[in-house]
Amino acid sequence: MKHEERKDFDKGAAQWDANPGRAKLAHDVADAIIREVSPTREMDALDFGCGTGLVTLRLQPLVRTITGMDSSEGMLAVLGSKVHGQGLVNVRTLFTNLETGGKVNGRYHLIVSSMTLHHVPDPAGLIAQLSGALLPGGTLAVADLDSEDGSFHRDNTGVLHPGFDRERIRGFFEQAGLTAVREITAAVVIKEIEEKGRREFPVFLLIGKK
């Protein structure tokens, strides 16, 4: 099920964090990244598709710097307000819209992206860009839904892919020159789906080295 219309993330930014399930998923993914990658204070990190920074700020105390990159100015404004309110000096926000010619700028030891890939028209192209922004020896960690039937989102506007086959994403990693590619289940989201009952939606985390 594909909805080509772009989702207005600016409109929902102010209330984004009020969804407890969304916050839990972000924390579960961030905790899986922390366990699997072991970020250090020598790392400069990028959170691509950072939204309001739920993953960004979970990683922030563990790295030297972290950049939150997103195509929604509203989401970045919420993250910027958190950064200012907490007096954080190692976090910056960066607006980039790949669909209008934006690029993934900078070089990083660690790049993460959570629940962004299914909104991207060209997942292979994005992974190639993210890989290209890694420093030698750097790590890319991408989390998203396993293939599903379109039930996960109540509103599928802007959902271009109903999840992914893990082997397909592994192939994109390898095509982008990443090695030692591995995957785990980072989280399982449980939802009550109208007329379908209780459903479990696994979220994978794929990790590769430059």
C-alpha atoms as a PDB file:
ATOM      1  CA  MET A   1       0.000   0.000   0.000  1.00  0.00           C
ATOM      2  CA  LYS A   2       1.658   3.214  -1.178  1.00  0.00           C
ATOM      3  CA  HIS A   3       0.505   6.759  -0.568  1.00  0.00           C
ATOM      4  CA  GLU A   4       2.613   9.068  -2.709  1.00  0.00           C
ATOM      5  CA  GLU A   5       1.313  12.246  -1.054  1.00  0.00           C
ATOM      6  CA  ARG A   6       3.953  13.642   1.267  1.00  0.00           C
ATOM      7  CA  LYS A   7       3.078  13.530   4.962  1.00  0.00           C
ATOM      8  CA  ASP A   8       3.076  16.922   6.681  1.00  0.00           C
ATOM      9  CA  PHE A   9       5.416  16.189   9.572  1.00  0.00           C
ATOM     10  CA  ASP A  10       5.586  19.895  10.449  1.00  0.00           C
ATOM     11  CA  LYS A  11       1.899  19.830  11.359  1.00  0.00           C
ATOM     12  CA  GLY A  12       2.279  16.992  13.845  1.00  0.00           C
ATOM     13  CA  ALA A  13       5.633  17.993  15.312  1.00  0.00           C
ATOM     14  CA  ALA A  14       4.368  19.726  18.459  1.00  0.00           C
ATOM     15  CA  GLN A  15       2.440  16.640  19.612  1.00  0.00           C
ATOM     16  CA  TRP A  16       4.806  14.000  18.214  1.00  0.00           C
ATOM     17  CA  ASP A  17       6.279  12.957  21.556  1.00  0.00           C
ATOM     18  CA  ALA A  18       2.862  12.663  23.219  1.00  0.00           C
ATOM     19  CA  ASN A  19       2.380   9.207  21.684  1.00  0.00           C
ATOM     20  CA  PRO A  20       3.810   6.803  24.322  1.00  0.00           C
ATOM     21  CA  GLY A  21       4.147   3.947  21.844  1.00  0.00           C
ATOM     22  CA  ARG A  22       6.199   6.127  19.510  1.00  0.00           C
ATOM     23  CA  ALA A  23       8.496   7.203  22.339  1.00  0.00           C
ATOM     24  CA  LYS A  24       8.930   3.607  23.519  1.00  0.00           C
ATOM     25  CA  LEU A  25       9.837   2.410  20.039  1.00  0.00           C
ATOM     26  CA  ALA A  26      12.440   5.149  19.658  1.00  0.00           C
ATOM     27  CA  HIS A  27      13.960   4.284  23.022  1.00  0.00           C
ATOM     28  CA  ASP A  28      13.978   0.565  22.218  1.00  0.00           C
ATOM     29  CA  VAL A  29      15.761   1.225  18.919  1.00  0.00           C
ATOM     30  CA  ALA A  30      18.259   3.576  20.551  1.00  0.00           C
ATOM     31  CA  ASP A  31      18.959   1.048  23.297  1.00  0.00           C
ATOM     32  CA  ALA A  32      19.525  -1.675  20.663  1.00  0.00           C
ATOM     33  CA  ILE A  33      21.987   0.611  18.864  1.00  0.00           C
ATOM     34  CA  ILE A  34      23.791   1.280  22.133  1.00  0.00           C
ATOM     35  CA  ARG A  35      24.057  -2.449  22.880  1.00  0.00           C
ATOM     36  CA  GLU A  36      25.161  -3.452  19.392  1.00  0.00           C
ATOM     37  CA  VAL A  37      27.440  -0.537  18.435  1.00  0.00           C
ATOM     38  CA  SER A  38      28.777   0.712  21.799  1.00  0.00           C
ATOM     39  CA  PRO A  39      29.030   4.439  20.941  1.00  0.00           C
ATOM     40  CA  THR A  40      31.992   6.281  22.457  1.00  0.00           C
ATOM     41  CA  ARG A  41      32.951   9.847  23.294  1.00  0.00           C
ATOM     42  CA  GLU A  42      35.361   9.806  20.337  1.00  0.00           C
ATOM     43  CA  MET A  43      32.482   9.501  17.855  1.00  0.00           C
ATOM     44  CA  ASP A  44      30.769  12.165  15.776  1.00  0.00           C
ATOM     45  CA  ALA A  45      27.297  10.814  14.996  1.00  0.00           C
ATOM     46  CA  LEU A  46      24.407  11.591  12.654  1.00  0.00           C
ATOM     47  CA  ASP A  47      20.754  10.735  13.230  1.00  0.00           C
ATOM     48  CA  PHE A  48      19.147  10.881   9.780  1.00  0.00           C
ATOM     49  CA  GLY A  49      15.391  11.466   9.859  1.00  0.00           C
ATOM     50  CA  CYS A  50      15.736  12.440  13.505  1.00  0.00           C
ATOM     51  CA  GLY A  51      12.269  13.907  13.977  1.00  0.00           C
ATOM     52  CA  THR A  52      12.001  15.441  17.432  1.00  0.00           C
ATOM     53  CA  GLY A  53      15.215  13.766  18.533  1.00  0.00           C
ATOM     54  CA  LEU A  54      13.916  10.813  20.548  1.00  0.00           C
ATOM     55  CA  VAL A  55      16.822   8.662  19.339  1.00  0.00           C
ATOM     56  CA  THR A  56      19.225  11.597  19.020  1.00  0.00           C
ATOM     57  CA  LEU A  57      19.004  12.564  22.670  1.00  0.00           C
ATOM     58  CA  ARG A  58      19.264   8.969  23.836  1.00  0.00           C
ATOM     59  CA  LEU A  59      22.644   8.756  22.082  1.00  0.00           C
ATOM     60  CA  GLN A  60      23.797  12.293  22.912  1.00  0.00           C
ATOM     61  CA  PRO A  61      25.486  11.578  26.282  1.00  0.00           C
ATOM     62  CA  LEU A  62      27.525   8.749  24.749  1.00  0.00           C
ATOM     63  CA  VAL A  63      29.129  10.487  21.745  1.00  0.00           C
ATOM     64  CA  ARG A  64      31.324  13.521  21.127  1.00  0.00           C
ATOM     65  CA  THR A  65      28.806  15.244  18.843  1.00  0.00           C
ATOM     66  CA  ILE A  66      25.520  14.282  17.215  1.00  0.00           C
ATOM     67  CA  THR A  67      23.722  15.973  14.344  1.00  0.00           C
ATOM     68  CA  GLY A  68      19.973  15.598  13.975  1.00  0.00           C
ATOM     69  CA  MET A  69      19.111  15.788  10.262  1.00  0.00           C
ATOM     70  CA  ASP A  70      15.555  15.946   8.971  1.00  0.00           C
ATOM     71  CA  SER A  71      13.403  17.271   6.126  1.00  0.00           C
ATOM     72  CA  SER A  72      10.831  18.718   8.559  1.00  0.00           C
ATOM     73  CA  GLU A  73      11.627  22.161   9.931  1.00  0.00           C
ATOM     74  CA  GLY A  74       8.860  21.691  12.501  1.00  0.00           C
ATOM     75  CA  MET A  75      10.446  18.536  13.867  1.00  0.00           C
ATOM     76  CA  LEU A  76      13.860  20.179  13.980  1.00  0.00           C
ATOM     77  CA  ALA A  77      12.378  23.152  15.848  1.00  0.00           C
ATOM     78  CA  VAL A  78      11.095  20.809  18.560  1.00  0.00           C
ATOM     79  CA  LEU A  79      14.500  19.142  18.815  1.00  0.00           C
ATOM     80  CA  GLY A  80      16.215  22.540  18.880  1.00  0.00           C
ATOM     81  CA  SER A  81      13.978  23.628  21.747  1.00  0.00           C
ATOM     82  CA  LYS A  82      14.937  20.512  23.720  1.00  0.00           C
ATOM     83  CA  VAL A  83      18.623  21.112  23.052  1.00  0.00           C
ATOM     84  CA  HIS A  84      18.351  24.743  24.198  1.00  0.00           C
ATOM     85  CA  GLY A  85      16.251  23.854  27.233  1.00  0.00           C
ATOM     86  CA  GLN A  86      18.720  21.198  28.382  1.00  0.00           C
ATOM     87  CA  GLY A  87      21.773  23.345  27.644  1.00  0.00           C
ATOM     88  CA  LEU A  88      23.325  20.709  25.398  1.00  0.00           C
ATOM     89  CA  VAL A  89      26.445  21.814  23.540  1.00  0.00           C
ATOM     90  CA  ASN A  90      27.203  18.710  21.463  1.00  0.00           C
ATOM     91  CA  VAL A  91      23.944  18.563  19.471  1.00  0.00           C
ATOM     92  CA  ARG A  92      23.115  20.465  16.294  1.00  0.00           C
ATOM     93  CA  THR A  93      20.190  20.328  13.897  1.00  0.00           C
ATOM     94  CA  LEU A  94      20.465  20.323  10.112  1.00  0.00           C
ATOM     95  CA  PHE A  95      17.656  20.648   7.556  1.00  0.00           C
ATOM     96  CA  THR A  96      18.073  18.448   4.466  1.00  0.00           C
ATOM     97  CA  ASN A  97      15.438  17.398   1.946  1.00  0.00           C
ATOM     98  CA  LEU A  98      16.785  14.760  -0.411  1.00  0.00           C
ATOM     99  CA  GLU A  99      13.696  14.988  -2.611  1.00  0.00           C
ATOM    100  CA  THR A 100      14.531  18.583  -3.552  1.00  0.00           C
ATOM    101  CA  GLY A 101      18.215  17.977  -4.154  1.00  0.00           C
ATOM    102  CA  GLY A 102      19.545  18.052  -0.603  1.00  0.00           C
ATOM    103  CA  LYS A 103      22.557  15.957   0.337  1.00  0.00           C
ATOM    104  CA  VAL A 104      23.784  14.148   3.408  1.00  0.00           C
ATOM    105  CA  ASN A 105      26.597  16.505   4.359  1.00  0.00           C
ATOM    106  CA  GLY A 106      29.458  15.885   6.775  1.00  0.00           C
ATOM    107  CA  ARG A 107      31.545  12.868   7.736  1.00  0.00           C
ATOM    108  CA  TYR A 108      30.649  10.719  10.701  1.00  0.00           C
ATOM    109  CA  HIS A 109      31.861   7.754  12.738  1.00  0.00           C
ATOM    110  CA  LEU A 110      28.285   6.595  13.367  1.00  0.00           C
ATOM    111  CA  ILE A 111      25.118   7.166  11.345  1.00  0.00           C
ATOM    112  CA  VAL A 112      21.743   5.967  12.580  1.00  0.00           C
ATOM    113  CA  SER A 113      18.264   6.172  11.089  1.00  0.00           C
ATOM    114  CA  SER A 114      15.068   4.910  12.696  1.00  0.00           C
ATOM    115  CA  MET A 115      11.675   4.471  11.027  1.00  0.00           C
ATOM    116  CA  THR A 116      12.612   6.782   8.160  1.00  0.00           C
ATOM    117  CA  LEU A 117      13.335   4.381   5.321  1.00  0.00           C
ATOM    118  CA  HIS A 118       9.680   3.572   4.596  1.00  0.00           C
ATOM    119  CA  HIS A 119       9.061   7.256   3.794  1.00  0.00           C
ATOM    120  CA  VAL A 120      11.943   7.458   1.290  1.00  0.00           C
ATOM    121  CA  PRO A 121      11.310   6.985  -2.462  1.00  0.00           C
ATOM    122  CA  ASP A 122      14.742   5.427  -3.087  1.00  0.00           C
ATOM    123  CA  PRO A 123      15.931   3.394  -0.075  1.00  0.00           C
ATOM    124  CA  ALA A 124      18.987   2.033  -1.905  1.00  0.00           C
ATOM    125  CA  GLY A 125      20.029   5.552  -2.892  1.00  0.00           C
ATOM    126  CA  LEU A 126      19.652   6.793   0.667  1.00  0.00           C
ATOM    127  CA  ILE A 127      21.738   3.963   2.090  1.00  0.00           C
ATOM    128  CA  ALA A 128      24.420   4.711  -0.516  1.00  0.00           C
ATOM    129  CA  GLN A 129      24.431   8.371   0.572  1.00  0.00           C
ATOM    130  CA  LEU A 130      24.625   7.459   4.242  1.00  0.00           C
ATOM    131  CA  SER A 131      27.439   5.020   3.551  1.00  0.00           C
ATOM    132  CA  GLY A 132      29.272   7.736   1.627  1.00  0.00           C
ATOM    133  CA  ALA A 133      29.096  10.035   4.655  1.00  0.00           C
ATOM    134  CA  LEU A 134      30.788   7.497   6.934  1.00  0.00           C
ATOM    135  CA  LEU A 135      34.404   7.890   7.907  1.00  0.00           C
ATOM    136  CA  PRO A 136      36.618   4.823   7.330  1.00  0.00           C
ATOM    137  CA  GLY A 137      35.745   2.260   9.984  1.00  0.00           C
ATOM    138  CA  GLY A 138      32.405   3.958  10.633  1.00  0.00           C
ATOM    139  CA  THR A 139      29.107   2.220  11.318  1.00  0.00           C
ATOM    140  CA  LEU A 140      25.662   2.555   9.764  1.00  0.00           C
ATOM    141  CA  ALA A 141      22.650   1.351  11.767  1.00  0.00           C
ATOM    142  CA  VAL A 142      19.191   1.484  10.185  1.00  0.00           C
ATOM    143  CA  ALA A 143      15.944   0.445  11.872  1.00  0.00           C
ATOM    144  CA  ASP A 144      12.579  -0.031  10.190  1.00  0.00           C
ATOM    145  CA  LEU A 145       9.586  -2.329   9.943  1.00  0.00           C
ATOM    146  CA  ASP A 146       9.643  -5.833   8.639  1.00  0.00           C
ATOM    147  CA  SER A 147       7.342  -6.316   5.649  1.00  0.00           C
ATOM    148  CA  GLU A 148       3.706  -5.842   6.681  1.00  0.00           C
ATOM    149  CA  ASP A 149       0.298  -5.383   5.040  1.00  0.00           C
ATOM    150  CA  GLY A 150      -0.090  -1.645   5.603  1.00  0.00           C
ATOM    151  CA  SER A 151      -1.836  -2.013   8.960  1.00  0.00           C
ATOM    152  CA  PHE A 152       0.926  -0.472  11.084  1.00  0.00           C
ATOM    153  CA  HIS A 153       0.106   3.167  10.315  1.00  0.00           C
ATOM    154  CA  ARG A 154      -3.407   4.397  10.944  1.00  0.00           C
ATOM    155  CA  ASP A 155      -2.787   6.952   8.197  1.00  0.00           C
ATOM    156  CA  ASN A 156      -0.620   5.695   5.355  1.00  0.00           C
ATOM    157  CA  THR A 157      -0.101   9.114   3.808  1.00  0.00           C
ATOM    158  CA  GLY A 158       3.566   9.335   2.887  1.00  0.00           C
ATOM    159  CA  VAL A 159       4.198   5.648   3.550  1.00  0.00           C
ATOM    160  CA  LEU A 160       5.966   4.546   0.376  1.00  0.00           C
ATOM    161  CA  HIS A 161       6.950   1.049   1.524  1.00  0.00           C
ATOM    162  CA  PRO A 162       4.914  -1.293   3.786  1.00  0.00           C
ATOM    163  CA  GLY A 163       8.009  -2.439   5.618  1.00  0.00           C
ATOM    164  CA  PHE A 164      10.944  -4.287   4.102  1.00  0.00           C
ATOM    165  CA  ASP A 165      12.384  -7.723   3.631  1.00  0.00           C
ATOM    166  CA  ARG A 166      15.578  -7.756   5.686  1.00  0.00           C
ATOM    167  CA  GLU A 167      17.570  -9.464   2.962  1.00  0.00           C
ATOM    168  CA  ARG A 168      16.628  -6.671   0.568  1.00  0.00           C
ATOM    169  CA  ILE A 169      18.052  -4.045   2.935  1.00  0.00           C
ATOM    170  CA  ARG A 170      21.121  -6.196   3.537  1.00  0.00           C
ATOM    171  CA  GLY A 171      21.631  -6.141  -0.227  1.00  0.00           C
ATOM    172  CA  PHE A 172      21.453  -2.339  -0.247  1.00  0.00           C
ATOM    173  CA  PHE A 173      24.085  -2.230   2.508  1.00  0.00           C
ATOM    174  CA  GLU A 174      26.404  -4.517   0.579  1.00  0.00           C
ATOM    175  CA  GLN A 175      25.860  -2.624  -2.689  1.00  0.00           C
ATOM    176  CA  ALA A 176      26.888   0.539  -0.817  1.00  0.00           C
ATOM    177  CA  GLY A 177      30.212  -1.090   0.107  1.00  0.00           C
ATOM    178  CA  LEU A 178      29.389  -1.896   3.718  1.00  0.00           C
ATOM    179  CA  THR A 179      30.796  -5.055   5.264  1.00  0.00           C
ATOM    180  CA  ALA A 180      30.150  -7.277   8.283  1.00  0.00           C
ATOM    181  CA  VAL A 181      26.450  -6.627   7.752  1.00  0.00           C
ATOM    182  CA  ARG A 182      24.245  -8.126  10.436  1.00  0.00           C
ATOM    183  CA  GLU A 183      20.699  -7.754  11.704  1.00  0.00           C
ATOM    184  CA  ILE A 184      18.733  -8.123  14.892  1.00  0.00           C
ATOM    185  CA  THR A 185      15.163  -7.504  15.979  1.00  0.00           C
ATOM    186  CA  ALA A 186      15.407  -4.199  17.834  1.00  0.00           C
ATOM    187  CA  ALA A 187      11.783  -4.046  18.977  1.00  0.00           C
ATOM    188  CA  VAL A 188       8.349  -5.572  18.565  1.00  0.00           C
ATOM    189  CA  VAL A 189       5.447  -3.138  18.443  1.00  0.00           C
ATOM    190  CA  ILE A 190       2.094  -4.511  19.586  1.00  0.00           C
ATOM    191  CA  LYS A 191      -1.028  -2.826  18.248  1.00  0.00           C
ATOM    192  CA  GLU A 192      -4.748  -3.462  18.269  1.00  0.00           C
ATOM    193  CA  ILE A 193      -5.797  -3.251  14.642  1.00  0.00           C
ATOM    194  CA  GLU A 194      -9.457  -2.617  13.872  1.00  0.00           C
ATOM    195  CA  GLU A 195     -11.127  -5.787  12.549  1.00  0.00           C
ATOM    196  CA  LYS A 196      -7.805  -7.655  12.766  1.00  0.00           C
ATOM    197  CA  GLY A 197      -7.221  -7.778  16.507  1.00  0.00           C
ATOM    198  CA  ARG A 198      -3.883  -7.769  18.296  1.00  0.00           C
ATOM    199  CA  ARG A 199      -0.888  -7.684  15.934  1.00  0.00           C
ATOM    200  CA  GLU A 200       2.854  -7.784  16.450  1.00  0.00           C
ATOM    201  CA  PHE A 201       5.086  -5.710  14.167  1.00  0.00           C
ATOM    202  CA  PRO A 202       8.809  -6.542  14.398  1.00  0.00           C
ATOM    203  CA  VAL A 203      11.311  -3.729  13.828  1.00  0.00           C
ATOM    204  CA  PHE A 204      14.720  -4.752  12.509  1.00  0.00           C
ATOM    205  CA  LEU A 205      18.093  -3.099  13.029  1.00  0.00           C
ATOM    206  CA  LEU A 206      20.641  -3.628  10.270  1.00  0.00           C
ATOM    207  CA  ILE A 207      24.249  -2.726  10.983  1.00  0.00           C
ATOM    208  CA  GLY A 208      27.176  -2.440   8.602  1.00  0.00           C
ATOM    209  CA  LYS A 209      30.785  -1.234   8.696  1.00  0.00           C
ATOM    210  CA  LYS A 210      32.533   1.072   6.250  1.00  0.00           C
END
